[in-house]
PDB file of N, CA and C in Angstrom:
ATOM      1  N   UNK A   1      19.302 -16.527  13.280  1.00  0.00           N
ATOM      2  CA  UNK A   1      19.671 -15.101  12.120  1.00  0.00           C
ATOM      3  C   UNK A   1      18.112 -14.643  12.256  1.00  0.00           C
ATOM      4  N   UNK A   2      18.231 -13.320  12.659  1.00  0.00           N
ATOM      5  CA  UNK A   2      16.888 -13.356  12.793  1.00  0.00           C
ATOM      6  C   UNK A   2      16.644 -12.520  11.542  1.00  0.00           C
ATOM      7  N   UNK A   3      14.945 -13.087  11.050  1.00  0.00           N
ATOM      8  CA  UNK A   3      14.650 -12.266   9.548  1.00  0.00           C
ATOM      9  C   UNK A   3      14.463 -10.677   9.857  1.00  0.00           C
ATOM     10  N   UNK A   4      15.047  -9.902   8.370  1.00  0.00           N
ATOM     11  CA  UNK A   4      14.417  -8.933   8.822  1.00  0.00           C
ATOM     12  C   UNK A   4      13.188  -8.261   7.567  1.00  0.00           C
ATOM     13  N   UNK A   5      12.188  -7.575   8.230  1.00  0.00           N
ATOM     14  CA  UNK A   5      10.940  -7.918   7.426  1.00  0.00           C
ATOM     15  C   UNK A   5      10.933  -5.774   7.081  1.00  0.00           C
ATOM     16  N   UNK A   6      10.208  -6.048   5.886  1.00  0.00           N
ATOM     17  CA  UNK A   6       9.883  -4.556   4.922  1.00  0.00           C
ATOM     18  C   UNK A   6       8.629  -3.917   6.337  1.00  0.00           C
ATOM     19  N   UNK A   7       8.426  -2.584   5.736  1.00  0.00           N
ATOM     20  CA  UNK A   7       7.284  -2.196   6.378  1.00  0.00           C
ATOM     21  C   UNK A   7       6.172  -2.575   5.587  1.00  0.00           C
ATOM     22  N   UNK A   8       6.170  -3.052   4.468  1.00  0.00           N
ATOM     23  CA  UNK A   8       4.544  -3.826   4.465  1.00  0.00           C
ATOM     24  C   UNK A   8       4.480  -5.227   5.177  1.00  0.00           C
ATOM     25  N   UNK A   9       5.513  -5.524   4.894  1.00  0.00           N
ATOM     26  CA  UNK A   9       5.508  -7.513   5.881  1.00  0.00           C
ATOM     27  C   UNK A   9       5.158  -7.428   7.179  1.00  0.00           C
ATOM     28  N   UNK A  10       6.024  -6.217   7.767  1.00  0.00           N
ATOM     29  CA  UNK A  10       5.709  -6.222   8.840  1.00  0.00           C
ATOM     30  C   UNK A  10       4.375  -5.478   9.487  1.00  0.00           C
ATOM     31  N   UNK A  11       3.755  -4.545   8.312  1.00  0.00           N
ATOM     32  CA  UNK A  11       2.229  -3.856   8.602  1.00  0.00           C
ATOM     33  C   UNK A  11       1.247  -5.144   8.350  1.00  0.00           C
ATOM     34  N   UNK A  12       1.628  -6.385   7.271  1.00  0.00           N
ATOM     35  CA  UNK A  12       0.600  -7.364   7.324  1.00  0.00           C
ATOM     36  C   UNK A  12       0.753  -8.175   8.350  1.00  0.00           C
ATOM     37  N   UNK A  13       1.857  -8.549   9.330  1.00  0.00           N
ATOM     38  CA  UNK A  13       1.677  -9.003  10.429  1.00  0.00           C
ATOM     39  C   UNK A  13       1.833  -9.074  11.335  1.00  0.00           C
ATOM     40  N   UNK A  14       1.136  -8.017  11.723  1.00  0.00           N
ATOM     41  CA  UNK A  14       0.896  -6.949  12.543  1.00  0.00           C
ATOM     42  C   UNK A  14      -0.482  -6.654  12.906  1.00  0.00           C
ATOM     43  N   UNK A  15      -1.117  -6.746  11.359  1.00  0.00           N
ATOM     44  CA  UNK A  15      -2.529  -6.663  10.958  1.00  0.00           C
ATOM     45  C   UNK A  15      -2.706  -5.086  11.004  1.00  0.00           C
ATOM     46  N   UNK A  16      -1.959  -3.896  10.542  1.00  0.00           N
ATOM     47  CA  UNK A  16      -1.910  -2.587  10.648  1.00  0.00           C
ATOM     48  C   UNK A  16      -1.203  -2.283   8.944  1.00  0.00           C
ATOM     49  N   UNK A  17      -1.450  -1.081   8.586  1.00  0.00           N
ATOM     50  CA  UNK A  17      -1.377  -0.712   7.113  1.00  0.00           C
ATOM     51  C   UNK A  17      -0.109  -0.266   7.357  1.00  0.00           C
ATOM     52  N   UNK A  18       0.820  -0.130   6.603  1.00  0.00           N
ATOM     53  CA  UNK A  18       2.301   0.125   5.582  1.00  0.00           C
ATOM     54  C   UNK A  18       2.306   1.840   6.630  1.00  0.00           C
ATOM     55  N   UNK A  19       1.091   2.817   6.067  1.00  0.00           N
ATOM     56  CA  UNK A  19       0.801   3.805   6.309  1.00  0.00           C
ATOM     57  C   UNK A  19       0.813   4.289   7.899  1.00  0.00           C
ATOM     58  N   UNK A  20      -0.236   3.261   8.464  1.00  0.00           N
ATOM     59  CA  UNK A  20       0.081   3.553   9.777  1.00  0.00           C
ATOM     60  C   UNK A  20       1.927   2.791  10.618  1.00  0.00           C
ATOM     61  N   UNK A  21       2.747   2.347  10.061  1.00  0.00           N
ATOM     62  CA  UNK A  21       3.561   2.204  10.557  1.00  0.00           C
ATOM     63  C   UNK A  21       4.836   3.117  10.247  1.00  0.00           C
ATOM     64  N   UNK A  22       4.477   4.208   8.787  1.00  0.00           N
ATOM     65  CA  UNK A  22       5.382   5.212   8.450  1.00  0.00           C
ATOM     66  C   UNK A  22       4.884   6.199   9.654  1.00  0.00           C
ATOM     67  N   UNK A  23       3.785   6.646   9.922  1.00  0.00           N
ATOM     68  CA  UNK A  23       3.283   7.446  10.800  1.00  0.00           C
ATOM     69  C   UNK A  23       3.668   7.527  12.478  1.00  0.00           C
ATOM     70  N   UNK A  24       3.628   6.037  12.850  1.00  0.00           N
ATOM     71  CA  UNK A  24       4.216   6.289  14.172  1.00  0.00           C
ATOM     72  C   UNK A  24       5.286   6.042  14.310  1.00  0.00           C
ATOM     73  N   UNK A  25       6.720   6.011  13.391  1.00  0.00           N
ATOM     74  CA  UNK A  25       8.228   6.242  13.331  1.00  0.00           C
ATOM     75  C   UNK A  25       8.100   7.470  13.393  1.00  0.00           C
ATOM     76  N   UNK A  26       7.107   8.045  13.265  1.00  0.00           N
ATOM     77  CA  UNK A  26       7.521   9.930  13.425  1.00  0.00           C
ATOM     78  C   UNK A  26       7.080  10.111  14.805  1.00  0.00           C
ATOM     79  N   UNK A  27       6.111   9.255  15.663  1.00  0.00           N
ATOM     80  CA  UNK A  27       5.473   9.712  16.463  1.00  0.00           C
ATOM     81  C   UNK A  27       6.018   9.170  17.912  1.00  0.00           C
ATOM     82  N   UNK A  28       6.959   7.985  17.376  1.00  0.00           N
ATOM     83  CA  UNK A  28       7.780   6.635  18.372  1.00  0.00           C
ATOM     84  C   UNK A  28       6.710   5.849  19.335  1.00  0.00           C
ATOM     85  N   UNK A  29       5.249   5.900  18.235  1.00  0.00           N
ATOM     86  CA  UNK A  29       3.935   4.899  18.907  1.00  0.00           C
ATOM     87  C   UNK A  29       4.536   3.538  18.576  1.00  0.00           C
ATOM     88  N   UNK A  30       4.947   2.782  17.813  1.00  0.00           N
ATOM     89  CA  UNK A  30       5.044   1.832  16.896  1.00  0.00           C
ATOM     90  C   UNK A  30       6.005   1.418  17.549  1.00  0.00           C
ATOM     91  N   UNK A  31       6.332   0.159  17.000  1.00  0.00           N
ATOM     92  CA  UNK A  31       7.421  -0.880  16.966  1.00  0.00           C
ATOM     93  C   UNK A  31       8.940  -0.221  16.950  1.00  0.00           C
ATOM     94  N   UNK A  32       9.504  -0.740  17.904  1.00  0.00           N
ATOM     95  CA  UNK A  32      10.979  -0.787  17.337  1.00  0.00           C
ATOM     96  C   UNK A  32      11.234  -1.516  15.488  1.00  0.00           C
ATOM     97  N   UNK A  33      12.152  -0.344  14.980  1.00  0.00           N
ATOM     98  CA  UNK A  33      12.743  -0.498  13.756  1.00  0.00           C
ATOM     99  C   UNK A  33      14.511  -0.878  13.711  1.00  0.00           C
ATOM    100  N   UNK A  34      14.558  -0.905  13.054  1.00  0.00           N
ATOM    101  CA  UNK A  34      16.032  -1.129  12.567  1.00  0.00           C
ATOM    102  C   UNK A  34      16.162   0.078  10.885  1.00  0.00           C
ATOM    103  N   UNK A  35      17.001   1.066  10.599  1.00  0.00           N
ATOM    104  CA  UNK A  35      17.601   2.073  10.170  1.00  0.00           C
ATOM    105  C   UNK A  35      18.575   1.241   9.337  1.00  0.00           C
ATOM    106  N   UNK A  36      18.676   0.452   8.163  1.00  0.00           N
ATOM    107  CA  UNK A  36      19.645   0.321   7.187  1.00  0.00           C
ATOM    108  C   UNK A  36      20.226   0.649   6.171  1.00  0.00           C
ATOM    109  N   UNK A  37      21.106   1.814   6.660  1.00  0.00           N
ATOM    110  CA  UNK A  37      21.272   2.475   4.905  1.00  0.00           C
ATOM    111  C   UNK A  37      20.222   3.301   4.919  1.00  0.00           C
ATOM    112  N   UNK A  38      19.423   3.521   3.978  1.00  0.00           N
ATOM    113  CA  UNK A  38      18.268   4.312   3.993  1.00  0.00           C
ATOM    114  C   UNK A  38      16.992   3.526   4.107  1.00  0.00           C
ATOM    115  N   UNK A  39      17.031   2.334   4.434  1.00  0.00           N
ATOM    116  CA  UNK A  39      15.983   1.116   4.801  1.00  0.00           C
ATOM    117  C   UNK A  39      15.345   1.107   5.937  1.00  0.00           C
ATOM    118  N   UNK A  40      14.195   1.079   5.585  1.00  0.00           N
ATOM    119  CA  UNK A  40      13.634   0.592   7.540  1.00  0.00           C
ATOM    120  C   UNK A  40      12.463  -0.609   7.142  1.00  0.00           C
ATOM    121  N   UNK A  41      13.723  -1.828   8.371  1.00  0.00           N
ATOM    122  CA  UNK A  41      13.070  -2.829   8.535  1.00  0.00           C
ATOM    123  C   UNK A  41      12.998  -2.999  10.168  1.00  0.00           C
ATOM    124  N   UNK A  42      12.252  -3.984  10.131  1.00  0.00           N
ATOM    125  CA  UNK A  42      11.464  -4.779  11.277  1.00  0.00           C
ATOM    126  C   UNK A  42      11.858  -5.990  11.795  1.00  0.00           C
ATOM    127  N   UNK A  43      11.935  -6.626  12.897  1.00  0.00           N
ATOM    128  CA  UNK A  43      12.467  -8.324  13.232  1.00  0.00           C
ATOM    129  C   UNK A  43      11.182  -8.589  13.904  1.00  0.00           C
ATOM    130  N   UNK A  44      10.940  -9.280  13.525  1.00  0.00           N
ATOM    131  CA  UNK A  44       9.531 -10.175  14.363  1.00  0.00           C
ATOM    132  C   UNK A  44      10.114  -9.975  15.734  1.00  0.00           C
ATOM    133  N   UNK A  45      10.672 -10.448  16.391  1.00  0.00           N
ATOM    134  CA  UNK A  45      11.087 -10.325  18.038  1.00  0.00           C
ATOM    135  C   UNK A  45      10.636  -9.109  18.542  1.00  0.00           C
ATOM    136  N   UNK A  46      11.182  -8.071  17.425  1.00  0.00           N
ATOM    137  CA  UNK A  46      10.576  -7.037  17.937  1.00  0.00           C
ATOM    138  C   UNK A  46       9.391  -6.529  17.991  1.00  0.00           C
ATOM    139  N   UNK A  47       8.624  -6.969  16.675  1.00  0.00           N
ATOM    140  CA  UNK A  47       7.156  -6.953  16.451  1.00  0.00           C
ATOM    141  C   UNK A  47       6.097  -7.774  17.524  1.00  0.00           C
ATOM    142  N   UNK A  48       6.716  -8.722  18.056  1.00  0.00           N
ATOM    143  CA  UNK A  48       6.181  -9.743  18.729  1.00  0.00           C
ATOM    144  C   UNK A  48       6.130  -8.970  20.495  1.00  0.00           C
ATOM    145  N   UNK A  49       7.435  -8.198  20.444  1.00  0.00           N
ATOM    146  CA  UNK A  49       7.251  -7.634  21.843  1.00  0.00           C
ATOM    147  C   UNK A  49       6.754  -6.143  21.867  1.00  0.00           C
ATOM    148  N   UNK A  50       6.316  -5.657  20.822  1.00  0.00           N
ATOM    149  CA  UNK A  50       5.283  -4.487  20.425  1.00  0.00           C
ATOM    150  C   UNK A  50       3.748  -5.124  20.401  1.00  0.00           C
ATOM    151  N   UNK A  51       3.711  -5.999  20.057  1.00  0.00           N
ATOM    152  CA  UNK A  51       2.464  -6.747  20.127  1.00  0.00           C
ATOM    153  C   UNK A  51       1.825  -7.063  21.271  1.00  0.00           C
ATOM    154  N   UNK A  52       2.764  -7.806  22.390  1.00  0.00           N
ATOM    155  CA  UNK A  52       2.283  -8.166  23.818  1.00  0.00           C
ATOM    156  C   UNK A  52       2.425  -6.808  24.671  1.00  0.00           C
ATOM    157  N   UNK A  53       2.804  -6.108  23.999  1.00  0.00           N
ATOM    158  CA  UNK A  53       2.510  -4.641  25.055  1.00  0.00           C
ATOM    159  C   UNK A  53       1.878  -3.954  24.581  1.00  0.00           C
ATOM    160  N   UNK A  54       0.643  -4.662  23.536  1.00  0.00           N
ATOM    161  CA  UNK A  54      -0.644  -3.931  23.478  1.00  0.00           C
ATOM    162  C   UNK A  54      -2.272  -4.660  24.440  1.00  0.00           C
ATOM    163  N   UNK A  55      -1.635  -5.415  24.855  1.00  0.00           N
ATOM    164  CA  UNK A  55      -2.541  -6.308  25.263  1.00  0.00           C
ATOM    165  C   UNK A  55      -3.197  -5.612  26.635  1.00  0.00           C
ATOM    166  N   UNK A  56      -4.598  -5.981  26.844  1.00  0.00           N
ATOM    167  CA  UNK A  56      -5.159  -4.729  27.480  1.00  0.00           C
ATOM    168  C   UNK A  56      -6.324  -5.543  28.681  1.00  0.00           C
ATOM    169  N   UNK A  57      -6.360  -5.194  29.486  1.00  0.00           N
ATOM    170  CA  UNK A  57      -7.603  -5.482  30.613  1.00  0.00           C
ATOM    171  C   UNK A  57      -8.894  -5.166  30.762  1.00  0.00           C
ATOM    172  N   UNK A  58      -8.970  -4.302  30.212  1.00  0.00           N
ATOM    173  CA  UNK A  58      -9.732  -2.805  30.508  1.00  0.00           C
ATOM    174  C   UNK A  58      -9.832  -2.111  29.146  1.00  0.00           C
ATOM    175  N   UNK A  59     -10.905  -1.383  29.102  1.00  0.00           N
ATOM    176  CA  UNK A  59     -11.072   0.132  27.936  1.00  0.00           C
ATOM    177  C   UNK A  59     -10.111   1.195  28.287  1.00  0.00           C
ATOM    178  N   UNK A  60     -10.395   1.544  29.564  1.00  0.00           N
ATOM    179  CA  UNK A  60      -9.741   2.805  29.741  1.00  0.00           C
ATOM    180  C   UNK A  60      -8.268   2.551  30.432  1.00  0.00           C
ATOM    181  N   UNK A  61      -7.606   3.497  30.573  1.00  0.00           N
ATOM    182  CA  UNK A  61      -5.965   3.022  30.728  1.00  0.00           C
ATOM    183  C   UNK A  61      -5.844   3.127  32.710  1.00  0.00           C
ATOM    184  N   UNK A  62      -6.697   3.990  33.089  1.00  0.00           N
ATOM    185  CA  UNK A  62      -6.573   3.850  34.866  1.00  0.00           C
ATOM    186  C   UNK A  62      -7.268   2.069  34.850  1.00  0.00           C
ATOM    187  N   UNK A  63      -7.646   1.304  34.397  1.00  0.00           N
ATOM    188  CA  UNK A  63      -8.244   0.395  34.811  1.00  0.00           C
ATOM    189  C   UNK A  63      -7.649  -0.965  34.462  1.00  0.00           C
ATOM    190  N   UNK A  64      -6.288  -0.216  33.342  1.00  0.00           N
ATOM    191  CA  UNK A  64      -5.964  -1.301  32.155  1.00  0.00           C
ATOM    192  C   UNK A  64      -5.381  -2.209  33.731  1.00  0.00           C
ATOM    193  N   UNK A  65      -4.770  -3.279  33.333  1.00  0.00           N
ATOM    194  CA  UNK A  65      -3.787  -4.190  34.416  1.00  0.00           C
ATOM    195  C   UNK A  65      -2.887  -4.862  33.438  1.00  0.00           C
ATOM    196  N   UNK A  66      -1.951  -4.068  33.396  1.00  0.00           N
ATOM    197  CA  UNK A  66      -0.482  -4.715  32.363  1.00  0.00           C
ATOM    198  C   UNK A  66      -0.281  -6.391  32.868  1.00  0.00           C
ATOM    199  N   UNK A  67      -0.136  -5.959  34.399  1.00  0.00           N
ATOM    200  CA  UNK A  67       0.555  -7.363  35.264  1.00  0.00           C
ATOM    201  C   UNK A  67      -0.662  -8.533  34.608  1.00  0.00           C
ATOM    202  N   UNK A  68      -1.826  -8.140  34.886  1.00  0.00           N
ATOM    203  CA  UNK A  68      -2.633  -9.292  34.285  1.00  0.00           C
ATOM    204  C   UNK A  68      -2.161  -9.795  33.182  1.00  0.00           C
ATOM    205  N   UNK A  69      -2.985  -8.867  32.328  1.00  0.00           N
ATOM    206  CA  UNK A  69      -2.471  -8.978  30.885  1.00  0.00           C
ATOM    207  C   UNK A  69      -1.059 -10.435  30.989  1.00  0.00           C
ATOM    208  N   UNK A  70      -0.031  -9.780  30.942  1.00  0.00           N
ATOM    209  CA  UNK A  70       1.315 -10.121  31.154  1.00  0.00           C
ATOM    210  C   UNK A  70       1.370 -11.332  31.235  1.00  0.00           C
ATOM    211  N   UNK A  71       0.563 -11.603  32.623  1.00  0.00           N
ATOM    212  CA  UNK A  71       0.449 -13.068  33.290  1.00  0.00           C
ATOM    213  C   UNK A  71      -0.381 -13.890  32.075  1.00  0.00           C
ATOM    214  N   UNK A  72      -1.088 -13.666  32.041  1.00  0.00           N
ATOM    215  CA  UNK A  72      -2.238 -14.495  30.795  1.00  0.00           C
ATOM    216  C   UNK A  72      -1.229 -14.551  29.633  1.00  0.00           C
ATOM    217  N   UNK A  73      -0.176 -13.868  29.067  1.00  0.00           N
ATOM    218  CA  UNK A  73       0.640 -14.343  28.225  1.00  0.00           C
ATOM    219  C   UNK A  73       1.430 -15.193  27.982  1.00  0.00           C
ATOM    220  N   UNK A  74       2.010 -15.429  29.392  1.00  0.00           N
ATOM    221  CA  UNK A  74       3.033 -16.117  29.783  1.00  0.00           C
ATOM    222  C   UNK A  74       2.699 -17.699  30.071  1.00  0.00           C
ATOM    223  N   UNK A  75       0.882 -17.949  30.223  1.00  0.00           N
ATOM    224  CA  UNK A  75      -0.214 -19.296  30.757  1.00  0.00           C
ATOM    225  C   UNK A  75       0.172 -20.012  29.633  1.00  0.00           C
TER     226      UNK A  75
END
């Protein structure tokens, strides 16, 4: 069974603040989350997917090689 994390726990897991997660829910820039009733929850799997998507090989977007970063992650 998938463990559900609160915003505070998820923020600690990805080394961000709870405030940052709250803001990214408004813009869609953060990790995928669940809305259960009025509660926001995150799964470890979705946080890991989001973290993997932030891997970079260069500072500038045009030079970033996501395929190479993904290959490093798989190795």
